[in-house]
Amino acid sequence: MDLTFDAVVKLTFFLTDFHHLAEMRAVHEEFVNTASPPASRAVQVAALEHPELLIEVEAIAAGP
């Protein structure tokens, strides 16, 4: 199934530090249709699987 980013219906952002929230939102706006954005939430976590990472993004898309 070929889906584009327009098929994304929900994004979840896992950040190790909410001090990066403004930067994450700026990048988010580059790729998301801000007129009709998918549902999204941000969660601060103690750590991610790879310690060098600051953010992980989960995207859920809906297709035909």
Protein backbone atom coordinates (compact mmCIF):
# COMPACT_ATOMS: atom_id res chain seq x y z
CA MET A 1 0.00 0.00 0.00
CA ASP A 2 1.42 3.38 -1.00
CA LEU A 3 0.54 6.09 1.51
CA THR A 4 1.77 9.66 1.70
CA PHE A 5 2.23 11.82 4.76
CA ASP A 6 -1.29 13.14 4.10
CA ALA A 7 -2.60 9.74 5.27
CA VAL A 8 -1.19 10.27 8.79
CA VAL A 9 -4.04 10.57 11.29
CA LYS A 10 -2.05 10.64 14.54
CA LEU A 11 1.47 11.54 15.64
CA THR A 12 3.02 10.88 19.03
CA PHE A 13 6.30 12.56 19.92
CA PHE A 14 8.43 11.07 22.67
CA LEU A 15 11.00 13.60 23.91
CA THR A 16 13.68 13.07 26.53
CA ASP A 17 13.54 16.77 27.42
CA PHE A 18 10.64 19.20 26.85
CA HIS A 19 13.21 21.95 26.31
CA HIS A 20 13.30 20.62 22.71
CA LEU A 21 9.53 21.06 22.25
CA ALA A 22 9.77 24.35 20.32
CA GLU A 23 12.30 22.87 17.88
CA MET A 24 10.14 19.78 17.44
CA ARG A 25 7.09 21.94 16.67
CA ALA A 26 9.03 23.97 14.09
CA VAL A 27 10.05 20.79 12.23
CA HIS A 28 6.53 19.39 12.65
CA GLU A 29 5.08 22.43 10.84
CA GLU A 30 7.42 21.86 7.87
CA PHE A 31 5.87 18.46 7.14
CA VAL A 32 2.29 18.63 8.42
CA ASN A 33 -0.64 20.31 6.74
CA THR A 34 -1.22 22.97 9.41
CA ALA A 35 -4.70 23.75 7.99
CA SER A 36 -5.82 20.19 8.74
CA PRO A 37 -3.21 18.55 10.99
CA PRO A 38 -3.41 15.02 12.34
CA ALA A 39 -4.09 14.51 16.03
CA SER A 40 -0.85 14.70 17.97
CA ARG A 41 0.59 14.63 21.44
CA ALA A 42 3.97 14.99 23.07
CA VAL A 43 5.20 12.85 25.94
CA GLN A 44 8.34 13.39 27.98
CA VAL A 45 10.18 10.13 28.68
CA ALA A 46 13.18 9.30 30.84
CA ALA A 47 15.07 7.66 27.96
CA LEU A 48 14.71 6.15 24.51
CA GLU A 49 16.04 2.84 23.25
CA HIS A 50 19.20 4.50 21.91
CA PRO A 51 20.64 6.85 24.56
CA GLU A 52 21.98 9.31 21.97
CA LEU A 53 18.47 10.02 20.63
CA LEU A 54 16.46 13.00 21.89
CA ILE A 55 13.16 12.29 20.15
CA GLU A 56 11.16 9.40 18.72
CA VAL A 57 8.09 9.87 16.53
CA GLU A 58 5.26 7.38 16.13
CA ALA A 59 2.95 7.93 13.15
CA ILE A 60 -0.35 6.19 12.52
CA ALA A 61 -1.74 6.37 8.99
CA ALA A 62 -5.06 5.28 7.55
CA GLY A 63 -5.41 3.87 4.07
CA PRO A 64 -8.22 2.64 1.90
